[in-house]
Amino acid sequence: MKDGLTVYQAIQAAGGATEFSTMRHVAILRENKIIDCDLTKVEFMKTILKSGDLVNVPRKCFVSETEYSN
């Protein structure tokens, strides 16, 4: 990891987000603290990673739009 790498750049370097992931609730685990980042907003895209950070890009939650009725 090079110095000054942003969370967005790290995700792109790892292959980018898939159609099953959400960029709204990306979590950075840093020194036993969680930093929640909404990468749909520019100010969070610029978050600089530090050595030892772990980045979690969660899956989207899919809710069925079909309702069953009797």
PDB file of N, CA and C in Angstrom:
ATOM      1  N   MET A   1       0.853  -1.173   0.000  1.00  0.00           N
ATOM      2  CA  MET A   1       0.000   0.000   0.000  1.00  0.00           C
ATOM      3  C   MET A   1       0.892   1.226   0.000  1.00  0.00           C
ATOM      4  N   LYS A   2       0.638   2.141  -0.907  1.00  0.00           N
ATOM      5  CA  LYS A   2       1.423   3.370  -0.942  1.00  0.00           C
ATOM      6  C   LYS A   2       0.827   4.410  -0.007  1.00  0.00           C
ATOM      7  N   ASP A   3       1.656   5.314   0.470  1.00  0.00           N
ATOM      8  CA  ASP A   3       1.184   6.385   1.337  1.00  0.00           C
ATOM      9  C   ASP A   3       0.192   7.265   0.590  1.00  0.00           C
ATOM     10  N   GLY A   4      -0.847   7.675   1.290  1.00  0.00           N
ATOM     11  CA  GLY A   4      -1.823   8.589   0.701  1.00  0.00           C
ATOM     12  C   GLY A   4      -2.935   7.907  -0.075  1.00  0.00           C
ATOM     13  N   LEU A   5      -2.996   6.566  -0.042  1.00  0.00           N
ATOM     14  CA  LEU A   5      -4.029   5.827  -0.760  1.00  0.00           C
ATOM     15  C   LEU A   5      -5.380   6.071  -0.094  1.00  0.00           C
ATOM     16  N   THR A   6      -6.383   6.419  -0.882  1.00  0.00           N
ATOM     17  CA  THR A   6      -7.717   6.638  -0.327  1.00  0.00           C
ATOM     18  C   THR A   6      -8.479   5.320  -0.306  1.00  0.00           C
ATOM     19  N   VAL A   7      -9.543   5.276   0.497  1.00  0.00           N
ATOM     20  CA  VAL A   7     -10.368   4.075   0.564  1.00  0.00           C
ATOM     21  C   VAL A   7     -10.957   3.759  -0.806  1.00  0.00           C
ATOM     22  N   TYR A   8     -11.360   4.763  -1.546  1.00  0.00           N
ATOM     23  CA  TYR A   8     -11.916   4.548  -2.880  1.00  0.00           C
ATOM     24  C   TYR A   8     -10.867   3.952  -3.822  1.00  0.00           C
ATOM     25  N   GLN A   9      -9.661   4.468  -3.778  1.00  0.00           N
ATOM     26  CA  GLN A   9      -8.581   3.943  -4.624  1.00  0.00           C
ATOM     27  C   GLN A   9      -8.258   2.491  -4.265  1.00  0.00           C
ATOM     28  N   ALA A  10      -8.301   2.169  -2.988  1.00  0.00           N
ATOM     29  CA  ALA A  10      -8.015   0.801  -2.554  1.00  0.00           C
ATOM     30  C   ALA A  10      -9.069  -0.166  -3.081  1.00  0.00           C
ATOM     31  N   ILE A  11     -10.317   0.231  -3.033  1.00  0.00           N
ATOM     32  CA  ILE A  11     -11.390  -0.620  -3.547  1.00  0.00           C
ATOM     33  C   ILE A  11     -11.246  -0.805  -5.051  1.00  0.00           C
ATOM     34  N   GLN A  12     -10.909   0.260  -5.760  1.00  0.00           N
ATOM     35  CA  GLN A  12     -10.710   0.157  -7.207  1.00  0.00           C
ATOM     36  C   GLN A  12      -9.509  -0.730  -7.534  1.00  0.00           C
ATOM     37  N   ALA A  13      -8.442  -0.630  -6.755  1.00  0.00           N
ATOM     38  CA  ALA A  13      -7.255  -1.452  -6.982  1.00  0.00           C
ATOM     39  C   ALA A  13      -7.535  -2.937  -6.734  1.00  0.00           C
ATOM     40  N   ALA A  14      -8.520  -3.207  -5.881  1.00  0.00           N
ATOM     41  CA  ALA A  14      -8.891  -4.594  -5.585  1.00  0.00           C
ATOM     42  C   ALA A  14      -9.896  -5.148  -6.600  1.00  0.00           C
ATOM     43  N   GLY A  15     -10.226  -4.383  -7.611  1.00  0.00           N
ATOM     44  CA  GLY A  15     -11.155  -4.854  -8.642  1.00  0.00           C
ATOM     45  C   GLY A  15     -12.463  -4.096  -8.679  1.00  0.00           C
ATOM     46  N   GLY A  16     -12.674  -3.207  -7.730  1.00  0.00           N
ATOM     47  CA  GLY A  16     -13.884  -2.385  -7.717  1.00  0.00           C
ATOM     48  C   GLY A  16     -15.071  -3.105  -7.098  1.00  0.00           C
ATOM     49  N   ALA A  17     -16.118  -2.354  -6.925  1.00  0.00           N
ATOM     50  CA  ALA A  17     -17.353  -2.897  -6.356  1.00  0.00           C
ATOM     51  C   ALA A  17     -18.072  -3.737  -7.412  1.00  0.00           C
ATOM     52  N   THR A  18     -18.809  -4.721  -6.949  1.00  0.00           N
ATOM     53  CA  THR A  18     -19.608  -5.543  -7.854  1.00  0.00           C
ATOM     54  C   THR A  18     -21.061  -5.080  -7.809  1.00  0.00           C
ATOM     55  N   GLU A  19     -21.879  -5.705  -8.620  1.00  0.00           N
ATOM     56  CA  GLU A  19     -23.303  -5.355  -8.620  1.00  0.00           C
ATOM     57  C   GLU A  19     -23.985  -5.803  -7.330  1.00  0.00           C
ATOM     58  N   PHE A  20     -23.312  -6.631  -6.539  1.00  0.00           N
ATOM     59  CA  PHE A  20     -23.875  -7.115  -5.286  1.00  0.00           C
ATOM     60  C   PHE A  20     -23.399  -6.336  -4.063  1.00  0.00           C
ATOM     61  N   SER A  21     -22.530  -5.377  -4.254  1.00  0.00           N
ATOM     62  CA  SER A  21     -21.996  -4.621  -3.116  1.00  0.00           C
ATOM     63  C   SER A  21     -22.624  -3.225  -3.053  1.00  0.00           C
ATOM     64  N   THR A  22     -22.552  -2.654  -1.866  1.00  0.00           N
ATOM     65  CA  THR A  22     -23.048  -1.301  -1.680  1.00  0.00           C
ATOM     66  C   THR A  22     -21.890  -0.413  -1.235  1.00  0.00           C
ATOM     67  N   MET A  23     -21.841   0.766  -1.788  1.00  0.00           N
ATOM     68  CA  MET A  23     -20.785   1.714  -1.427  1.00  0.00           C
ATOM     69  C   MET A  23     -21.278   2.705  -0.369  1.00  0.00           C
ATOM     70  N   ARG A  24     -22.503   2.525   0.113  1.00  0.00           N
ATOM     71  CA  ARG A  24     -23.079   3.443   1.103  1.00  0.00           C
ATOM     72  C   ARG A  24     -22.598   3.189   2.533  1.00  0.00           C
ATOM     73  N   HIS A  25     -22.204   1.967   2.834  1.00  0.00           N
ATOM     74  CA  HIS A  25     -21.839   1.631   4.216  1.00  0.00           C
ATOM     75  C   HIS A  25     -20.504   0.904   4.277  1.00  0.00           C
ATOM     76  N   VAL A  26     -19.503   1.452   3.610  1.00  0.00           N
ATOM     77  CA  VAL A  26     -18.161   0.869   3.648  1.00  0.00           C
ATOM     78  C   VAL A  26     -17.579   1.148   5.031  1.00  0.00           C
ATOM     79  N   ALA A  27     -17.011   0.121   5.638  1.00  0.00           N
ATOM     80  CA  ALA A  27     -16.461   0.270   6.986  1.00  0.00           C
ATOM     81  C   ALA A  27     -14.945   0.110   6.948  1.00  0.00           C
ATOM     82  N   ILE A  28     -14.280   1.008   7.660  1.00  0.00           N
ATOM     83  CA  ILE A  28     -12.834   0.904   7.847  1.00  0.00           C
ATOM     84  C   ILE A  28     -12.614   0.554   9.318  1.00  0.00           C
ATOM     85  N   LEU A  29     -11.914  -0.552   9.556  1.00  0.00           N
ATOM     86  CA  LEU A  29     -11.566  -0.930  10.918  1.00  0.00           C
ATOM     87  C   LEU A  29     -10.154  -0.424  11.176  1.00  0.00           C
ATOM     88  N   ARG A  30     -10.051   0.498  12.119  1.00  0.00           N
ATOM     89  CA  ARG A  30      -8.764   1.127  12.442  1.00  0.00           C
ATOM     90  C   ARG A  30      -8.584   1.145  13.947  1.00  0.00           C
ATOM     91  N   GLU A  31      -7.585   0.435  14.415  1.00  0.00           N
ATOM     92  CA  GLU A  31      -7.253   0.423  15.845  1.00  0.00           C
ATOM     93  C   GLU A  31      -8.480   0.144  16.710  1.00  0.00           C
ATOM     94  N   ASN A  32      -9.207  -0.921  16.379  1.00  0.00           N
ATOM     95  CA  ASN A  32     -10.398  -1.351  17.114  1.00  0.00           C
ATOM     96  C   ASN A  32     -11.542  -0.341  17.085  1.00  0.00           C
ATOM     97  N   LYS A  33     -11.536   0.551  16.123  1.00  0.00           N
ATOM     98  CA  LYS A  33     -12.641   1.492  15.911  1.00  0.00           C
ATOM     99  C   LYS A  33     -13.157   1.298  14.496  1.00  0.00           C
ATOM    100  N   ILE A  34     -14.447   1.548  14.299  1.00  0.00           N
ATOM    101  CA  ILE A  34     -15.042   1.428  12.970  1.00  0.00           C
ATOM    102  C   ILE A  34     -15.370   2.817  12.446  1.00  0.00           C
ATOM    103  N   ILE A  35     -14.895   3.097  11.260  1.00  0.00           N
ATOM    104  CA  ILE A  35     -15.192   4.362  10.575  1.00  0.00           C
ATOM    105  C   ILE A  35     -16.144   4.019   9.439  1.00  0.00           C
ATOM    106  N   ASP A  36     -17.380   4.516   9.505  1.00  0.00           N
ATOM    107  CA  ASP A  36     -18.382   4.251   8.477  1.00  0.00           C
ATOM    108  C   ASP A  36     -18.257   5.303   7.384  1.00  0.00           C
ATOM    109  N   CYS A  37     -18.136   4.849   6.141  1.00  0.00           N
ATOM    110  CA  CYS A  37     -17.969   5.761   5.007  1.00  0.00           C
ATOM    111  C   CYS A  37     -19.057   5.531   3.978  1.00  0.00           C
ATOM    112  N   ASP A  38     -19.698   6.598   3.548  1.00  0.00           N
ATOM    113  CA  ASP A  38     -20.666   6.548   2.456  1.00  0.00           C
ATOM    114  C   ASP A  38     -19.922   6.996   1.200  1.00  0.00           C
ATOM    115  N   LEU A  39     -19.440   6.029   0.424  1.00  0.00           N
ATOM    116  CA  LEU A  39     -18.620   6.363  -0.740  1.00  0.00           C
ATOM    117  C   LEU A  39     -19.432   6.862  -1.930  1.00  0.00           C
ATOM    118  N   THR A  40     -20.720   7.099  -1.725  1.00  0.00           N
ATOM    119  CA  THR A  40     -21.500   7.783  -2.759  1.00  0.00           C
ATOM    120  C   THR A  40     -21.350   9.300  -2.592  1.00  0.00           C
ATOM    121  N   LYS A  41     -20.667   9.712  -1.519  1.00  0.00           N
ATOM    122  CA  LYS A  41     -20.412  11.132  -1.247  1.00  0.00           C
ATOM    123  C   LYS A  41     -18.919  11.410  -1.375  1.00  0.00           C
ATOM    124  N   VAL A  42     -18.581  12.473  -2.071  1.00  0.00           N
ATOM    125  CA  VAL A  42     -17.192  12.799  -2.398  1.00  0.00           C
ATOM    126  C   VAL A  42     -16.313  12.949  -1.159  1.00  0.00           C
ATOM    127  N   GLU A  43     -16.820  13.542  -0.108  1.00  0.00           N
ATOM    128  CA  GLU A  43     -15.976  13.784   1.066  1.00  0.00           C
ATOM    129  C   GLU A  43     -15.478  12.477   1.693  1.00  0.00           C
ATOM    130  N   PHE A  44     -16.240  11.393   1.591  1.00  0.00           N
ATOM    131  CA  PHE A  44     -15.794  10.107   2.130  1.00  0.00           C
ATOM    132  C   PHE A  44     -14.840   9.403   1.179  1.00  0.00           C
ATOM    133  N   MET A  45     -14.959   9.657  -0.117  1.00  0.00           N
ATOM    134  CA  MET A  45     -14.079   9.032  -1.107  1.00  0.00           C
ATOM    135  C   MET A  45     -12.629   9.445  -0.871  1.00  0.00           C
ATOM    136  N   LYS A  46     -12.428  10.583  -0.238  1.00  0.00           N
ATOM    137  CA  LYS A  46     -11.087  11.118  -0.015  1.00  0.00           C
ATOM    138  C   LYS A  46     -10.469  10.650   1.306  1.00  0.00           C
ATOM    139  N   THR A  47     -11.126   9.746   2.023  1.00  0.00           N
ATOM    140  CA  THR A  47     -10.612   9.246   3.296  1.00  0.00           C
ATOM    141  C   THR A  47      -9.315   8.477   3.055  1.00  0.00           C
ATOM    142  N   ILE A  48      -8.257   8.913   3.712  1.00  0.00           N
ATOM    143  CA  ILE A  48      -6.928   8.304   3.556  1.00  0.00           C
ATOM    144  C   ILE A  48      -6.817   7.082   4.461  1.00  0.00           C
ATOM    145  N   LEU A  49      -6.328   5.998   3.900  1.00  0.00           N
ATOM    146  CA  LEU A  49      -6.103   4.789   4.684  1.00  0.00           C
ATOM    147  C   LEU A  49      -4.746   4.851   5.375  1.00  0.00           C
ATOM    148  N   LYS A  50      -4.662   4.166   6.503  1.00  0.00           N
ATOM    149  CA  LYS A  50      -3.409   4.052   7.238  1.00  0.00           C
ATOM    150  C   LYS A  50      -2.977   2.592   7.225  1.00  0.00           C
ATOM    151  N   SER A  51      -1.709   2.359   7.415  1.00  0.00           N
ATOM    152  CA  SER A  51      -1.191   0.999   7.480  1.00  0.00           C
ATOM    153  C   SER A  51      -1.923   0.226   8.573  1.00  0.00           C
ATOM    154  N   GLY A  52      -2.382  -0.968   8.250  1.00  0.00           N
ATOM    155  CA  GLY A  52      -3.105  -1.789   9.215  1.00  0.00           C
ATOM    156  C   GLY A  52      -4.617  -1.677   9.119  1.00  0.00           C
ATOM    157  N   ASP A  53      -5.140  -0.724   8.343  1.00  0.00           N
ATOM    158  CA  ASP A  53      -6.583  -0.577   8.181  1.00  0.00           C
ATOM    159  C   ASP A  53      -7.157  -1.773   7.439  1.00  0.00           C
ATOM    160  N   LEU A  54      -8.357  -2.181   7.822  1.00  0.00           N
ATOM    161  CA  LEU A  54      -9.116  -3.194   7.108  1.00  0.00           C
ATOM    162  C   LEU A  54     -10.345  -2.512   6.513  1.00  0.00           C
ATOM    163  N   VAL A  55     -10.666  -2.829   5.260  1.00  0.00           N
ATOM    164  CA  VAL A  55     -11.799  -2.209   4.578  1.00  0.00           C
ATOM    165  C   VAL A  55     -12.833  -3.290   4.290  1.00  0.00           C
ATOM    166  N   ASN A  56     -14.082  -3.037   4.693  1.00  0.00           N
ATOM    167  CA  ASN A  56     -15.182  -3.965   4.451  1.00  0.00           C
ATOM    168  C   ASN A  56     -16.220  -3.285   3.562  1.00  0.00           C
ATOM    169  N   VAL A  57     -16.462  -3.886   2.394  1.00  0.00           N
ATOM    170  CA  VAL A  57     -17.511  -3.405   1.483  1.00  0.00           C
ATOM    171  C   VAL A  57     -18.645  -4.416   1.579  1.00  0.00           C
ATOM    172  N   PRO A  58     -19.762  -4.029   2.203  1.00  0.00           N
ATOM    173  CA  PRO A  58     -20.839  -5.000   2.434  1.00  0.00           C
ATOM    174  C   PRO A  58     -21.681  -5.283   1.190  1.00  0.00           C
ATOM    175  N   ARG A  59     -22.418  -6.388   1.274  1.00  0.00           N
ATOM    176  CA  ARG A  59     -23.355  -6.731   0.208  1.00  0.00           C
ATOM    177  C   ARG A  59     -24.631  -5.925   0.360  1.00  0.00           C
ATOM    178  N   LYS A  60     -25.293  -5.705  -0.775  1.00  0.00           N
ATOM    179  CA  LYS A  60     -26.596  -5.046  -0.758  1.00  0.00           C
ATOM    180  C   LYS A  60     -27.613  -5.977  -0.111  1.00  0.00           C
ATOM    181  N   CYS A  61     -28.616  -5.380   0.491  1.00  0.00           N
ATOM    182  CA  CYS A  61     -29.755  -6.146   1.002  1.00  0.00           C
ATOM    183  C   CYS A  61     -30.851  -6.066  -0.045  1.00  0.00           C
ATOM    184  N   PHE A  62     -31.244  -7.210  -0.524  1.00  0.00           N
ATOM    185  CA  PHE A  62     -32.308  -7.250  -1.520  1.00  0.00           C
ATOM    186  C   PHE A  62     -33.609  -7.607  -0.823  1.00  0.00           C
ATOM    187  N   VAL A  63     -34.622  -6.813  -1.095  1.00  0.00           N
ATOM    188  CA  VAL A  63     -35.941  -7.059  -0.531  1.00  0.00           C
ATOM    189  C   VAL A  63     -36.880  -7.324  -1.696  1.00  0.00           C
ATOM    190  N   SER A  64     -37.611  -8.389  -1.604  1.00  0.00           N
ATOM    191  CA  SER A  64     -38.538  -8.740  -2.666  1.00  0.00           C
ATOM    192  C   SER A  64     -39.641  -7.703  -2.746  1.00  0.00           C
ATOM    193  N   GLU A  65     -39.934  -7.265  -3.952  1.00  0.00           N
ATOM    194  CA  GLU A  65     -41.018  -6.302  -4.148  1.00  0.00           C
ATOM    195  C   GLU A  65     -42.337  -7.011  -4.418  1.00  0.00           C
ATOM    196  N   THR A  66     -42.308  -8.328  -4.486  1.00  0.00           N
ATOM    197  CA  THR A  66     -43.519  -9.097  -4.746  1.00  0.00           C
ATOM    198  C   THR A  66     -44.190  -9.443  -3.423  1.00  0.00           C
ATOM    199  N   GLU A  67     -45.455  -9.099  -3.329  1.00  0.00           N
ATOM    200  CA  GLU A  67     -46.223  -9.452  -2.140  1.00  0.00           C
ATOM    201  C   GLU A  67     -47.197 -10.556  -2.506  1.00  0.00           C
ATOM    202  N   TYR A  68     -47.314 -11.519  -1.647  1.00  0.00           N
ATOM    203  CA  TYR A  68     -48.244 -12.617  -1.869  1.00  0.00           C
ATOM    204  C   TYR A  68     -49.510 -12.350  -1.099  1.00  0.00           C
ATOM    205  N   SER A  69     -50.612 -12.570  -1.725  1.00  0.00           N
ATOM    206  CA  SER A  69     -51.890 -12.412  -1.027  1.00  0.00           C
ATOM    207  C   SER A  69     -52.773 -13.616  -1.325  1.00  0.00           C
ATOM    208  N   ASN A  70     -53.668 -13.888  -0.421  1.00  0.00           N
ATOM    209  CA  ASN A  70     -54.593 -15.013  -0.593  1.00  0.00           C
ATOM    210  C   ASN A  70     -55.844 -14.577  -1.283  1.00  0.00           C
TER     211      ASN A  70
END
